[in-house]
Amino acid sequence: MGEALVRGFLEVLPNELVFEADEVVAEVVVDLDVNLNEVFDRVYWLLEAARFQGERQGILPAQIQMVGGRNPEFREFVERLLEESGEVRIQAVSQDSTYTAGPLFLNLKVVQNEEVLFELTVDN
């Protein structure tokens, strides 16, 4: 019938500022003139690096909202990315000031020659 007694542990942590609004959490340089698979690999790596950085700073994994989960918008983002050429920086950027309690909403920005070409934002 189950356990008569279940023990748990509680941990209390301070809710501290982790990322300022519009702060770059992770960044990757992508050469858009290479093959499609490498571009996808670099974008995937960026998303994983941003997730890792958020967790490393103390934000719970469930509190990190990535743009990759929104399939139609993410697909459009990648298609738009593939219309560009040359080397770009893709940045995973915090949407708002984020504390350890989260949530961390990450937007993606495509930057070339210090100019933001376009971005993908998470609706929170």
PDB file of N, CA and C in Angstrom:
ATOM      1  N   MET A   1       0.801  -1.214   0.000  1.00  0.00           N
ATOM      2  CA  MET A   1       0.000   0.000   0.000  1.00  0.00           C
ATOM      3  C   MET A   1       0.834   1.265   0.000  1.00  0.00           C
ATOM      4  N   GLY A   2       2.107   1.178  -0.174  1.00  0.00           N
ATOM      5  CA  GLY A   2       2.936   2.374  -0.158  1.00  0.00           C
ATOM      6  C   GLY A   2       3.660   2.535   1.157  1.00  0.00           C
ATOM      7  N   GLU A   3       4.422   3.560   1.232  1.00  0.00           N
ATOM      8  CA  GLU A   3       5.230   3.831   2.412  1.00  0.00           C
ATOM      9  C   GLU A   3       4.397   4.547   3.466  1.00  0.00           C
ATOM     10  N   ALA A   4       4.613   4.161   4.717  1.00  0.00           N
ATOM     11  CA  ALA A   4       3.928   4.811   5.825  1.00  0.00           C
ATOM     12  C   ALA A   4       4.576   6.153   6.145  1.00  0.00           C
ATOM     13  N   LEU A   5       5.871   6.252   5.888  1.00  0.00           N
ATOM     14  CA  LEU A   5       6.602   7.460   6.185  1.00  0.00           C
ATOM     15  C   LEU A   5       7.564   7.764   5.032  1.00  0.00           C
ATOM     16  N   VAL A   6       7.483   8.946   4.520  1.00  0.00           N
ATOM     17  CA  VAL A   6       8.390   9.372   3.462  1.00  0.00           C
ATOM     18  C   VAL A   6       9.148  10.586   3.975  1.00  0.00           C
ATOM     19  N   ARG A   7      10.461  10.534   3.904  1.00  0.00           N
ATOM     20  CA  ARG A   7      11.275  11.655   4.363  1.00  0.00           C
ATOM     21  C   ARG A   7      11.750  12.475   3.183  1.00  0.00           C
ATOM     22  N   GLY A   8      11.824  13.755   3.378  1.00  0.00           N
ATOM     23  CA  GLY A   8      12.310  14.654   2.344  1.00  0.00           C
ATOM     24  C   GLY A   8      13.260  15.660   2.948  1.00  0.00           C
ATOM     25  N   PHE A   9      13.928  16.366   2.082  1.00  0.00           N
ATOM     26  CA  PHE A   9      14.859  17.388   2.526  1.00  0.00           C
ATOM     27  C   PHE A   9      14.489  18.698   1.864  1.00  0.00           C
ATOM     28  N   LEU A  10      14.657  19.753   2.599  1.00  0.00           N
ATOM     29  CA  LEU A  10      14.346  21.083   2.110  1.00  0.00           C
ATOM     30  C   LEU A  10      15.623  21.905   2.094  1.00  0.00           C
ATOM     31  N   GLU A  11      15.843  22.595   1.001  1.00  0.00           N
ATOM     32  CA  GLU A  11      17.001  23.464   0.897  1.00  0.00           C
ATOM     33  C   GLU A  11      16.497  24.865   0.568  1.00  0.00           C
ATOM     34  N   VAL A  12      16.959  25.832   1.324  1.00  0.00           N
ATOM     35  CA  VAL A  12      16.561  27.217   1.116  1.00  0.00           C
ATOM     36  C   VAL A  12      17.772  27.969   0.568  1.00  0.00           C
ATOM     37  N   LEU A  13      17.557  28.620  -0.563  1.00  0.00           N
ATOM     38  CA  LEU A  13      18.632  29.379  -1.202  1.00  0.00           C
ATOM     39  C   LEU A  13      18.181  30.809  -1.429  1.00  0.00           C
ATOM     40  N   PRO A  14      19.099  31.756  -1.385  1.00  0.00           N
ATOM     41  CA  PRO A  14      18.716  33.151  -1.656  1.00  0.00           C
ATOM     42  C   PRO A  14      18.334  33.328  -3.128  1.00  0.00           C
ATOM     43  N   ASN A  15      17.363  34.186  -3.366  1.00  0.00           N
ATOM     44  CA  ASN A  15      16.912  34.474  -4.726  1.00  0.00           C
ATOM     45  C   ASN A  15      17.728  35.654  -5.239  1.00  0.00           C
ATOM     46  N   GLU A  16      18.862  35.345  -5.886  1.00  0.00           N
ATOM     47  CA  GLU A  16      19.794  36.370  -6.326  1.00  0.00           C
ATOM     48  C   GLU A  16      19.704  36.612  -7.825  1.00  0.00           C
ATOM     49  N   LEU A  17      20.064  37.826  -8.229  1.00  0.00           N
ATOM     50  CA  LEU A  17      20.095  38.173  -9.646  1.00  0.00           C
ATOM     51  C   LEU A  17      21.169  37.349 -10.342  1.00  0.00           C
ATOM     52  N   VAL A  18      20.790  36.684 -11.438  1.00  0.00           N
ATOM     53  CA  VAL A  18      21.713  35.859 -12.195  1.00  0.00           C
ATOM     54  C   VAL A  18      22.070  36.545 -13.512  1.00  0.00           C
ATOM     55  N   PHE A  19      21.061  36.989 -14.254  1.00  0.00           N
ATOM     56  CA  PHE A  19      21.272  37.648 -15.540  1.00  0.00           C
ATOM     57  C   PHE A  19      20.443  38.927 -15.601  1.00  0.00           C
ATOM     58  N   GLU A  20      21.064  39.979 -16.116  1.00  0.00           N
ATOM     59  CA  GLU A  20      20.340  41.218 -16.388  1.00  0.00           C
ATOM     60  C   GLU A  20      19.505  41.025 -17.650  1.00  0.00           C
ATOM     61  N   ALA A  21      18.518  41.887 -17.849  1.00  0.00           N
ATOM     62  CA  ALA A  21      17.744  41.863 -19.090  1.00  0.00           C
ATOM     63  C   ALA A  21      18.678  42.112 -20.264  1.00  0.00           C
ATOM     64  N   ASP A  22      18.513  41.357 -21.330  1.00  0.00           N
ATOM     65  CA  ASP A  22      19.279  41.490 -22.563  1.00  0.00           C
ATOM     66  C   ASP A  22      20.760  41.118 -22.403  1.00  0.00           C
ATOM     67  N   GLU A  23      21.072  40.328 -21.376  1.00  0.00           N
ATOM     68  CA  GLU A  23      22.454  39.866 -21.173  1.00  0.00           C
ATOM     69  C   GLU A  23      22.706  38.612 -22.004  1.00  0.00           C
ATOM     70  N   VAL A  24      23.858  38.546 -22.635  1.00  0.00           N
ATOM     71  CA  VAL A  24      24.220  37.376 -23.425  1.00  0.00           C
ATOM     72  C   VAL A  24      24.571  36.233 -22.468  1.00  0.00           C
ATOM     73  N   VAL A  25      23.821  35.147 -22.562  1.00  0.00           N
ATOM     74  CA  VAL A  25      24.035  33.971 -21.721  1.00  0.00           C
ATOM     75  C   VAL A  25      25.026  33.021 -22.385  1.00  0.00           C
ATOM     76  N   ALA A  26      24.920  32.867 -23.688  1.00  0.00           N
ATOM     77  CA  ALA A  26      25.834  32.032 -24.467  1.00  0.00           C
ATOM     78  C   ALA A  26      25.857  32.568 -25.892  1.00  0.00           C
ATOM     79  N   GLU A  27      26.942  32.279 -26.589  1.00  0.00           N
ATOM     80  CA  GLU A  27      27.109  32.803 -27.942  1.00  0.00           C
ATOM     81  C   GLU A  27      27.911  31.798 -28.765  1.00  0.00           C
ATOM     82  N   VAL A  28      27.610  31.747 -30.050  1.00  0.00           N
ATOM     83  CA  VAL A  28      28.346  30.872 -30.956  1.00  0.00           C
ATOM     84  C   VAL A  28      28.553  31.612 -32.272  1.00  0.00           C
ATOM     85  N   VAL A  29      29.696  31.363 -32.882  1.00  0.00           N
ATOM     86  CA  VAL A  29      29.985  31.930 -34.199  1.00  0.00           C
ATOM     87  C   VAL A  29      29.688  30.850 -35.234  1.00  0.00           C
ATOM     88  N   VAL A  30      28.939  31.230 -36.268  1.00  0.00           N
ATOM     89  CA  VAL A  30      28.530  30.277 -37.295  1.00  0.00           C
ATOM     90  C   VAL A  30      28.911  30.825 -38.663  1.00  0.00           C
ATOM     91  N   ASP A  31      29.556  29.994 -39.455  1.00  0.00           N
ATOM     92  CA  ASP A  31      29.843  30.326 -40.849  1.00  0.00           C
ATOM     93  C   ASP A  31      28.693  29.762 -41.677  1.00  0.00           C
ATOM     94  N   LEU A  32      27.858  30.638 -42.189  1.00  0.00           N
ATOM     95  CA  LEU A  32      26.658  30.212 -42.913  1.00  0.00           C
ATOM     96  C   LEU A  32      26.962  29.681 -44.307  1.00  0.00           C
ATOM     97  N   ASP A  33      28.203  29.761 -44.711  1.00  0.00           N
ATOM     98  CA  ASP A  33      28.583  29.256 -46.034  1.00  0.00           C
ATOM     99  C   ASP A  33      29.019  27.791 -45.988  1.00  0.00           C
ATOM    100  N   VAL A  34      28.942  27.158 -44.806  1.00  0.00           N
ATOM    101  CA  VAL A  34      29.274  25.734 -44.700  1.00  0.00           C
ATOM    102  C   VAL A  34      28.007  24.909 -44.876  1.00  0.00           C
ATOM    103  N   ASN A  35      28.101  23.616 -44.675  1.00  0.00           N
ATOM    104  CA  ASN A  35      26.927  22.769 -44.916  1.00  0.00           C
ATOM    105  C   ASN A  35      25.842  22.953 -43.855  1.00  0.00           C
ATOM    106  N   LEU A  36      24.649  22.609 -44.240  1.00  0.00           N
ATOM    107  CA  LEU A  36      23.459  22.784 -43.402  1.00  0.00           C
ATOM    108  C   LEU A  36      23.574  22.068 -42.070  1.00  0.00           C
ATOM    109  N   ASN A  37      24.112  20.859 -42.058  1.00  0.00           N
ATOM    110  CA  ASN A  37      24.230  20.103 -40.815  1.00  0.00           C
ATOM    111  C   ASN A  37      25.101  20.814 -39.790  1.00  0.00           C
ATOM    112  N   GLU A  38      26.162  21.439 -40.242  1.00  0.00           N
ATOM    113  CA  GLU A  38      27.031  22.150 -39.303  1.00  0.00           C
ATOM    114  C   GLU A  38      26.319  23.357 -38.703  1.00  0.00           C
ATOM    115  N   VAL A  39      25.511  24.045 -39.493  1.00  0.00           N
ATOM    116  CA  VAL A  39      24.741  25.178 -38.975  1.00  0.00           C
ATOM    117  C   VAL A  39      23.782  24.686 -37.895  1.00  0.00           C
ATOM    118  N   PHE A  40      23.054  23.606 -38.159  1.00  0.00           N
ATOM    119  CA  PHE A  40      22.140  23.045 -37.154  1.00  0.00           C
ATOM    120  C   PHE A  40      22.893  22.614 -35.902  1.00  0.00           C
ATOM    121  N   ASP A  41      24.045  21.987 -36.083  1.00  0.00           N
ATOM    122  CA  ASP A  41      24.843  21.550 -34.938  1.00  0.00           C
ATOM    123  C   ASP A  41      25.262  22.730 -34.071  1.00  0.00           C
ATOM    124  N   ARG A  42      25.663  23.816 -34.693  1.00  0.00           N
ATOM    125  CA  ARG A  42      26.092  25.003 -33.940  1.00  0.00           C
ATOM    126  C   ARG A  42      24.930  25.640 -33.184  1.00  0.00           C
ATOM    127  N   VAL A  43      23.747  25.698 -33.810  1.00  0.00           N
ATOM    128  CA  VAL A  43      22.573  26.262 -33.126  1.00  0.00           C
ATOM    129  C   VAL A  43      22.182  25.365 -31.955  1.00  0.00           C
ATOM    130  N   TYR A  44      22.194  24.056 -32.167  1.00  0.00           N
ATOM    131  CA  TYR A  44      21.885  23.118 -31.079  1.00  0.00           C
ATOM    132  C   TYR A  44      22.896  23.291 -29.949  1.00  0.00           C
ATOM    133  N   TRP A  45      24.180  23.405 -30.289  1.00  0.00           N
ATOM    134  CA  TRP A  45      25.210  23.591 -29.275  1.00  0.00           C
ATOM    135  C   TRP A  45      24.947  24.859 -28.474  1.00  0.00           C
ATOM    136  N   LEU A  46      24.544  25.926 -29.152  1.00  0.00           N
ATOM    137  CA  LEU A  46      24.238  27.183 -28.466  1.00  0.00           C
ATOM    138  C   LEU A  46      23.126  26.992 -27.446  1.00  0.00           C
ATOM    139  N   LEU A  47      22.049  26.324 -27.841  1.00  0.00           N
ATOM    140  CA  LEU A  47      20.933  26.115 -26.926  1.00  0.00           C
ATOM    141  C   LEU A  47      21.357  25.294 -25.710  1.00  0.00           C
ATOM    142  N   GLU A  48      22.165  24.264 -25.949  1.00  0.00           N
ATOM    143  CA  GLU A  48      22.651  23.449 -24.838  1.00  0.00           C
ATOM    144  C   GLU A  48      23.599  24.234 -23.934  1.00  0.00           C
ATOM    145  N   ALA A  49      24.462  25.053 -24.518  1.00  0.00           N
ATOM    146  CA  ALA A  49      25.380  25.872 -23.729  1.00  0.00           C
ATOM    147  C   ALA A  49      24.615  26.875 -22.871  1.00  0.00           C
ATOM    148  N   ALA A  50      23.565  27.468 -23.417  1.00  0.00           N
ATOM    149  CA  ALA A  50      22.750  28.425 -22.656  1.00  0.00           C
ATOM    150  C   ALA A  50      22.031  27.731 -21.513  1.00  0.00           C
ATOM    151  N   ARG A  51      21.497  26.547 -21.779  1.00  0.00           N
ATOM    152  CA  ARG A  51      20.823  25.783 -20.724  1.00  0.00           C
ATOM    153  C   ARG A  51      21.823  25.453 -19.610  1.00  0.00           C
ATOM    154  N   PHE A  52      23.009  24.985 -20.001  1.00  0.00           N
ATOM    155  CA  PHE A  52      24.037  24.639 -19.024  1.00  0.00           C
ATOM    156  C   PHE A  52      24.438  25.859 -18.198  1.00  0.00           C
ATOM    157  N   GLN A  53      24.623  26.996 -18.841  1.00  0.00           N
ATOM    158  CA  GLN A  53      25.030  28.210 -18.138  1.00  0.00           C
ATOM    159  C   GLN A  53      23.962  28.629 -17.129  1.00  0.00           C
ATOM    160  N   GLY A  54      22.689  28.544 -17.516  1.00  0.00           N
ATOM    161  CA  GLY A  54      21.611  28.872 -16.583  1.00  0.00           C
ATOM    162  C   GLY A  54      21.600  27.949 -15.385  1.00  0.00           C
ATOM    163  N   GLU A  55      21.745  26.650 -15.617  1.00  0.00           N
ATOM    164  CA  GLU A  55      21.777  25.682 -14.523  1.00  0.00           C
ATOM    165  C   GLU A  55      23.003  25.905 -13.649  1.00  0.00           C
ATOM    166  N   ARG A  56      24.128  26.192 -14.279  1.00  0.00           N
ATOM    167  CA  ARG A  56      25.374  26.422 -13.538  1.00  0.00           C
ATOM    168  C   ARG A  56      25.242  27.618 -12.595  1.00  0.00           C
ATOM    169  N   GLN A  57      24.453  28.601 -12.997  1.00  0.00           N
ATOM    170  CA  GLN A  57      24.244  29.787 -12.171  1.00  0.00           C
ATOM    171  C   GLN A  57      23.170  29.570 -11.105  1.00  0.00           C
ATOM    172  N   GLY A  58      22.566  28.363 -11.088  1.00  0.00           N
ATOM    173  CA  GLY A  58      21.631  28.028 -10.022  1.00  0.00           C
ATOM    174  C   GLY A  58      20.164  28.031 -10.395  1.00  0.00           C
ATOM    175  N   ILE A  59      19.837  28.258 -11.647  1.00  0.00           N
ATOM    176  CA  ILE A  59      18.439  28.244 -12.064  1.00  0.00           C
ATOM    177  C   ILE A  59      18.028  26.793 -12.316  1.00  0.00           C
ATOM    178  N   LEU A  60      16.878  26.408 -11.796  1.00  0.00           N
ATOM    179  CA  LEU A  60      16.416  25.038 -11.984  1.00  0.00           C
ATOM    180  C   LEU A  60      16.134  24.775 -13.460  1.00  0.00           C
ATOM    181  N   PRO A  61      16.477  23.581 -13.962  1.00  0.00           N
ATOM    182  CA  PRO A  61      16.265  23.275 -15.390  1.00  0.00           C
ATOM    183  C   PRO A  61      14.830  23.515 -15.859  1.00  0.00           C
ATOM    184  N   ALA A  62      13.863  23.209 -15.012  1.00  0.00           N
ATOM    185  CA  ALA A  62      12.459  23.382 -15.400  1.00  0.00           C
ATOM    186  C   ALA A  62      12.091  24.854 -15.555  1.00  0.00           C
ATOM    187  N   GLN A  63      12.932  25.750 -15.049  1.00  0.00           N
ATOM    188  CA  GLN A  63      12.648  27.183 -15.105  1.00  0.00           C
ATOM    189  C   GLN A  63      13.340  27.884 -16.277  1.00  0.00           C
ATOM    190  N   ILE A  64      13.955  27.112 -17.177  1.00  0.00           N
ATOM    191  CA  ILE A  64      14.648  27.688 -18.329  1.00  0.00           C
ATOM    192  C   ILE A  64      13.813  27.448 -19.578  1.00  0.00           C
ATOM    193  N   GLN A  65      13.329  28.521 -20.172  1.00  0.00           N
ATOM    194  CA  GLN A  65      12.457  28.425 -21.340  1.00  0.00           C
ATOM    195  C   GLN A  65      13.249  28.780 -22.590  1.00  0.00           C
ATOM    196  N   MET A  66      13.422  27.790 -23.456  1.00  0.00           N
ATOM    197  CA  MET A  66      14.213  27.967 -24.662  1.00  0.00           C
ATOM    198  C   MET A  66      13.301  28.194 -25.863  1.00  0.00           C
ATOM    199  N   VAL A  67      13.809  28.867 -26.844  1.00  0.00           N
ATOM    200  CA  VAL A  67      13.043  29.098 -28.057  1.00  0.00           C
ATOM    201  C   VAL A  67      12.904  27.834 -28.891  1.00  0.00           C
ATOM    202  N   GLY A  68      13.764  26.863 -28.716  1.00  0.00           N
ATOM    203  CA  GLY A  68      13.735  25.651 -29.524  1.00  0.00           C
ATOM    204  C   GLY A  68      12.470  24.838 -29.348  1.00  0.00           C
ATOM    205  N   GLY A  69      11.759  25.052 -28.248  1.00  0.00           N
ATOM    206  CA  GLY A  69      10.536  24.305 -28.008  1.00  0.00           C
ATOM    207  C   GLY A  69       9.353  24.797 -28.822  1.00  0.00           C
ATOM    208  N   ARG A  70       9.493  25.922 -29.466  1.00  0.00           N
ATOM    209  CA  ARG A  70       8.417  26.483 -30.270  1.00  0.00           C
ATOM    210  C   ARG A  70       8.733  26.199 -31.738  1.00  0.00           C
ATOM    211  N   ASN A  71       8.282  25.042 -32.181  1.00  0.00           N
ATOM    212  CA  ASN A  71       8.709  24.514 -33.477  1.00  0.00           C
ATOM    213  C   ASN A  71       8.469  25.421 -34.679  1.00  0.00           C
ATOM    214  N   PRO A  72       7.265  25.943 -34.930  1.00  0.00           N
ATOM    215  CA  PRO A  72       7.077  26.757 -36.151  1.00  0.00           C
ATOM    216  C   PRO A  72       7.971  27.999 -36.162  1.00  0.00           C
ATOM    217  N   GLU A  73       8.027  28.714 -35.027  1.00  0.00           N
ATOM    218  CA  GLU A  73       8.843  29.915 -34.966  1.00  0.00           C
ATOM    219  C   GLU A  73      10.327  29.578 -35.082  1.00  0.00           C
ATOM    220  N   PHE A  74      10.747  28.486 -34.455  1.00  0.00           N
ATOM    221  CA  PHE A  74      12.155  28.094 -34.512  1.00  0.00           C
ATOM    222  C   PHE A  74      12.528  27.680 -35.931  1.00  0.00           C
ATOM    223  N   ARG A  75      11.639  26.964 -36.592  1.00  0.00           N
ATOM    224  CA  ARG A  75      11.893  26.556 -37.977  1.00  0.00           C
ATOM    225  C   ARG A  75      12.037  27.789 -38.872  1.00  0.00           C
ATOM    226  N   GLU A  76      11.154  28.771 -38.681  1.00  0.00           N
ATOM    227  CA  GLU A  76      11.239  30.020 -39.451  1.00  0.00           C
ATOM    228  C   GLU A  76      12.554  30.748 -39.164  1.00  0.00           C
ATOM    229  N   PHE A  77      12.981  30.724 -37.914  1.00  0.00           N
ATOM    230  CA  PHE A  77      14.246  31.344 -37.535  1.00  0.00           C
ATOM    231  C   PHE A  77      15.409  30.700 -38.288  1.00  0.00           C
ATOM    232  N   VAL A  78      15.439  29.371 -38.311  1.00  0.00           N
ATOM    233  CA  VAL A  78      16.523  28.659 -38.996  1.00  0.00           C
ATOM    234  C   VAL A  78      16.467  28.914 -40.498  1.00  0.00           C
ATOM    235  N   GLU A  79      15.258  28.909 -41.074  1.00  0.00           N
ATOM    236  CA  GLU A  79      15.120  29.193 -42.510  1.00  0.00           C
ATOM    237  C   GLU A  79      15.636  30.592 -42.832  1.00  0.00           C
ATOM    238  N   ARG A  80      15.305  31.555 -41.987  1.00  0.00           N
ATOM    239  CA  ARG A  80      15.791  32.930 -42.189  1.00  0.00           C
ATOM    240  C   ARG A  80      17.308  32.982 -42.046  1.00  0.00           C
ATOM    241  N   LEU A  81      17.827  32.240 -41.091  1.00  0.00           N
ATOM    242  CA  LEU A  81      19.266  32.172 -40.888  1.00  0.00           C
ATOM    243  C   LEU A  81      19.970  31.660 -42.133  1.00  0.00           C
ATOM    244  N   LEU A  82      19.382  30.668 -42.775  1.00  0.00           N
ATOM    245  CA  LEU A  82      19.987  30.068 -43.963  1.00  0.00           C
ATOM    246  C   LEU A  82      19.918  30.975 -45.192  1.00  0.00           C
ATOM    247  N   GLU A  83      19.106  32.032 -45.137  1.00  0.00           N
ATOM    248  CA  GLU A  83      19.055  33.010 -46.227  1.00  0.00           C
ATOM    249  C   GLU A  83      20.241  33.968 -46.176  1.00  0.00           C
ATOM    250  N   GLU A  84      20.898  34.034 -45.007  1.00  0.00           N
ATOM    251  CA  GLU A  84      22.042  34.923 -44.837  1.00  0.00           C
ATOM    252  C   GLU A  84      23.305  34.215 -45.311  1.00  0.00           C
ATOM    253  N   SER A  85      24.394  34.947 -45.386  1.00  0.00           N
ATOM    254  CA  SER A  85      25.668  34.342 -45.770  1.00  0.00           C
ATOM    255  C   SER A  85      26.777  34.946 -44.931  1.00  0.00           C
ATOM    256  N   GLY A  86      27.914  34.295 -44.944  1.00  0.00           N
ATOM    257  CA  GLY A  86      29.063  34.780 -44.193  1.00  0.00           C
ATOM    258  C   GLY A  86      29.035  34.310 -42.754  1.00  0.00           C
ATOM    259  N   GLU A  87      29.842  34.965 -41.949  1.00  0.00           N
ATOM    260  CA  GLU A  87      29.975  34.589 -40.543  1.00  0.00           C
ATOM    261  C   GLU A  87      29.061  35.458 -39.693  1.00  0.00           C
ATOM    262  N   VAL A  88      28.308  34.829 -38.805  1.00  0.00           N
ATOM    263  CA  VAL A  88      27.426  35.549 -37.887  1.00  0.00           C
ATOM    264  C   VAL A  88      27.661  35.031 -36.472  1.00  0.00           C
ATOM    265  N   ARG A  89      27.280  35.845 -35.510  1.00  0.00           N
ATOM    266  CA  ARG A  89      27.242  35.412 -34.115  1.00  0.00           C
ATOM    267  C   ARG A  89      25.781  35.207 -33.763  1.00  0.00           C
ATOM    268  N   ILE A  90      25.484  34.083 -33.168  1.00  0.00           N
ATOM    269  CA  ILE A  90      24.129  33.843 -32.674  1.00  0.00           C
ATOM    270  C   ILE A  90      24.226  33.872 -31.160  1.00  0.00           C
ATOM    271  N   GLN A  91      23.419  34.716 -30.553  1.00  0.00           N
ATOM    272  CA  GLN A  91      23.466  34.899 -29.112  1.00  0.00           C
ATOM    273  C   GLN A  91      22.178  34.412 -28.468  1.00  0.00           C
ATOM    274  N   ALA A  92      22.317  33.670 -27.374  1.00  0.00           N
ATOM    275  CA  ALA A  92      21.181  33.349 -26.512  1.00  0.00           C
ATOM    276  C   ALA A  92      21.178  34.429 -25.436  1.00  0.00           C
ATOM    277  N   VAL A  93      20.105  35.214 -25.399  1.00  0.00           N
ATOM    278  CA  VAL A  93      20.052  36.418 -24.580  1.00  0.00           C
ATOM    279  C   VAL A  93      18.888  36.316 -23.593  1.00  0.00           C
ATOM    280  N   SER A  94      19.131  36.729 -22.332  1.00  0.00           N
ATOM    281  CA  SER A  94      18.044  36.723 -21.348  1.00  0.00           C
ATOM    282  C   SER A  94      17.037  37.801 -21.709  1.00  0.00           C
ATOM    283  N   GLN A  95      15.773  37.429 -21.672  1.00  0.00           N
ATOM    284  CA  GLN A  95      14.729  38.367 -22.058  1.00  0.00           C
ATOM    285  C   GLN A  95      14.506  39.426 -20.980  1.00  0.00           C
ATOM    286  N   ASP A  96      14.540  39.013 -19.726  1.00  0.00           N
ATOM    287  CA  ASP A  96      14.282  39.900 -18.592  1.00  0.00           C
ATOM    288  C   ASP A  96      15.366  39.697 -17.546  1.00  0.00           C
ATOM    289  N   SER A  97      15.379  40.553 -16.526  1.00  0.00           N
ATOM    290  CA  SER A  97      16.236  40.289 -15.377  1.00  0.00           C
ATOM    291  C   SER A  97      15.798  38.962 -14.788  1.00  0.00           C
ATOM    292  N   THR A  98      16.754  38.085 -14.519  1.00  0.00           N
ATOM    293  CA  THR A  98      16.429  36.728 -14.087  1.00  0.00           C
ATOM    294  C   THR A  98      17.130  36.423 -12.773  1.00  0.00           C
ATOM    295  N   TYR A  99      16.369  35.878 -11.851  1.00  0.00           N
ATOM    296  CA  TYR A  99      16.876  35.506 -10.534  1.00  0.00           C
ATOM    297  C   TYR A  99      16.977  33.987 -10.446  1.00  0.00           C
ATOM    298  N   THR A 100      17.620  33.494  -9.399  1.00  0.00           N
ATOM    299  CA  THR A 100      17.812  32.049  -9.269  1.00  0.00           C
ATOM    300  C   THR A 100      16.485  31.292  -9.239  1.00  0.00           C
ATOM    301  N   ALA A 101      15.417  31.924  -8.778  1.00  0.00           N
ATOM    302  CA  ALA A 101      14.108  31.266  -8.765  1.00  0.00           C
ATOM    303  C   ALA A 101      13.533  31.124 -10.166  1.00  0.00           C
ATOM    304  N   GLY A 102      14.101  31.863 -11.135  1.00  0.00           N
ATOM    305  CA  GLY A 102      13.645  31.791 -12.520  1.00  0.00           C
ATOM    306  C   GLY A 102      12.310  32.484 -12.695  1.00  0.00           C
ATOM    307  N   PRO A 103      11.716  32.339 -13.827  1.00  0.00           N
ATOM    308  CA  PRO A 103      12.216  31.589 -14.977  1.00  0.00           C
ATOM    309  C   PRO A 103      13.193  32.418 -15.812  1.00  0.00           C
ATOM    310  N   LEU A 104      14.007  31.719 -16.577  1.00  0.00           N
ATOM    311  CA  LEU A 104      14.918  32.335 -17.530  1.00  0.00           C
ATOM    312  C   LEU A 104      14.331  32.129 -18.915  1.00  0.00           C
ATOM    313  N   PHE A 105      13.932  33.224 -19.554  1.00  0.00           N
ATOM    314  CA  PHE A 105      13.436  33.178 -20.924  1.00  0.00           C
ATOM    315  C   PHE A 105      14.565  33.625 -21.838  1.00  0.00           C
ATOM    316  N   LEU A 106      14.914  32.778 -22.808  1.00  0.00           N
ATOM    317  CA  LEU A 106      16.024  33.051 -23.702  1.00  0.00           C
ATOM    318  C   LEU A 106      15.537  33.386 -25.107  1.00  0.00           C
ATOM    319  N   ASN A 107      16.000  34.506 -25.629  1.00  0.00           N
ATOM    320  CA  ASN A 107      15.775  34.892 -27.010  1.00  0.00           C
ATOM    321  C   ASN A 107      17.040  34.592 -27.800  1.00  0.00           C
ATOM    322  N   LEU A 108      16.920  34.482 -29.109  1.00  0.00           N
ATOM    323  CA  LEU A 108      18.086  34.306 -29.976  1.00  0.00           C
ATOM    324  C   LEU A 108      18.240  35.535 -30.850  1.00  0.00           C
ATOM    325  N   LYS A 109      19.474  36.044 -30.922  1.00  0.00           N
ATOM    326  CA  LYS A 109      19.788  37.177 -31.786  1.00  0.00           C
ATOM    327  C   LYS A 109      20.870  36.759 -32.766  1.00  0.00           C
ATOM    328  N   VAL A 110      20.702  37.170 -34.008  1.00  0.00           N
ATOM    329  CA  VAL A 110      21.718  36.935 -35.034  1.00  0.00           C
ATOM    330  C   VAL A 110      22.397  38.274 -35.295  1.00  0.00           C
ATOM    331  N   VAL A 111      23.710  38.297 -35.084  1.00  0.00           N
ATOM    332  CA  VAL A 111      24.483  39.541 -35.183  1.00  0.00           C
ATOM    333  C   VAL A 111      25.563  39.365 -36.242  1.00  0.00           C
ATOM    334  N   GLN A 112      25.675  40.357 -37.116  1.00  0.00           N
ATOM    335  CA  GLN A 112      26.733  40.365 -38.123  1.00  0.00           C
ATOM    336  C   GLN A 112      27.283  41.783 -38.192  1.00  0.00           C
ATOM    337  N   ASN A 113      28.593  41.916 -38.085  1.00  0.00           N
ATOM    338  CA  ASN A 113      29.237  43.239 -38.110  1.00  0.00           C
ATOM    339  C   ASN A 113      28.628  44.181 -37.077  1.00  0.00           C
ATOM    340  N   GLU A 114      28.415  43.649 -35.866  1.00  0.00           N
ATOM    341  CA  GLU A 114      27.873  44.419 -34.725  1.00  0.00           C
ATOM    342  C   GLU A 114      26.446  44.929 -34.949  1.00  0.00           C
ATOM    343  N   GLU A 115      25.743  44.423 -35.954  1.00  0.00           N
ATOM    344  CA  GLU A 115      24.356  44.806 -36.230  1.00  0.00           C
ATOM    345  C   GLU A 115      23.460  43.585 -36.042  1.00  0.00           C
ATOM    346  N   VAL A 116      22.359  43.767 -35.298  1.00  0.00           N
ATOM    347  CA  VAL A 116      21.400  42.676 -35.120  1.00  0.00           C
ATOM    348  C   VAL A 116      20.600  42.550 -36.413  1.00  0.00           C
ATOM    349  N   LEU A 117      20.731  41.400 -37.060  1.00  0.00           N
ATOM    350  CA  LEU A 117      20.012  41.163 -38.318  1.00  0.00           C
ATOM    351  C   LEU A 117      18.551  40.813 -38.053  1.00  0.00           C
ATOM    352  N   PHE A 118      18.335  39.900 -37.113  1.00  0.00           N
ATOM    353  CA  PHE A 118      16.985  39.508 -36.721  1.00  0.00           C
ATOM    354  C   PHE A 118      17.083  38.712 -35.426  1.00  0.00           C
ATOM    355  N   GLU A 119      15.929  38.453 -34.809  1.00  0.00           N
ATOM    356  CA  GLU A 119      15.930  37.702 -33.561  1.00  0.00           C
ATOM    357  C   GLU A 119      14.656  36.894 -33.414  1.00  0.00           C
ATOM    358  N   LEU A 120      14.733  35.934 -32.518  1.00  0.00           N
ATOM    359  CA  LEU A 120      13.596  35.096 -32.184  1.00  0.00           C
ATOM    360  C   LEU A 120      13.340  35.274 -30.691  1.00  0.00           C
ATOM    361  N   THR A 121      12.124  35.634 -30.341  1.00  0.00           N
ATOM    362  CA  THR A 121      11.807  35.876 -28.943  1.00  0.00           C
ATOM    363  C   THR A 121      10.822  34.839 -28.426  1.00  0.00           C
ATOM    364  N   VAL A 122      10.906  34.584 -27.133  1.00  0.00           N
ATOM    365  CA  VAL A 122       9.990  33.667 -26.458  1.00  0.00           C
ATOM    366  C   VAL A 122       8.843  34.488 -25.901  1.00  0.00           C
ATOM    367  N   ASP A 123       7.618  34.047 -26.146  1.00  0.00           N
ATOM    368  CA  ASP A 123       6.459  34.705 -25.552  1.00  0.00           C
ATOM    369  C   ASP A 123       6.267  34.153 -24.151  1.00  0.00           C
ATOM    370  N   ASN A 124       6.376  35.030 -23.152  1.00  0.00           N
ATOM    371  CA  ASN A 124       6.214  34.525 -21.780  1.00  0.00           C
ATOM    372  C   ASN A 124       4.936  34.989 -21.168  1.00  0.00           C
TER     373      ASN A 124
END
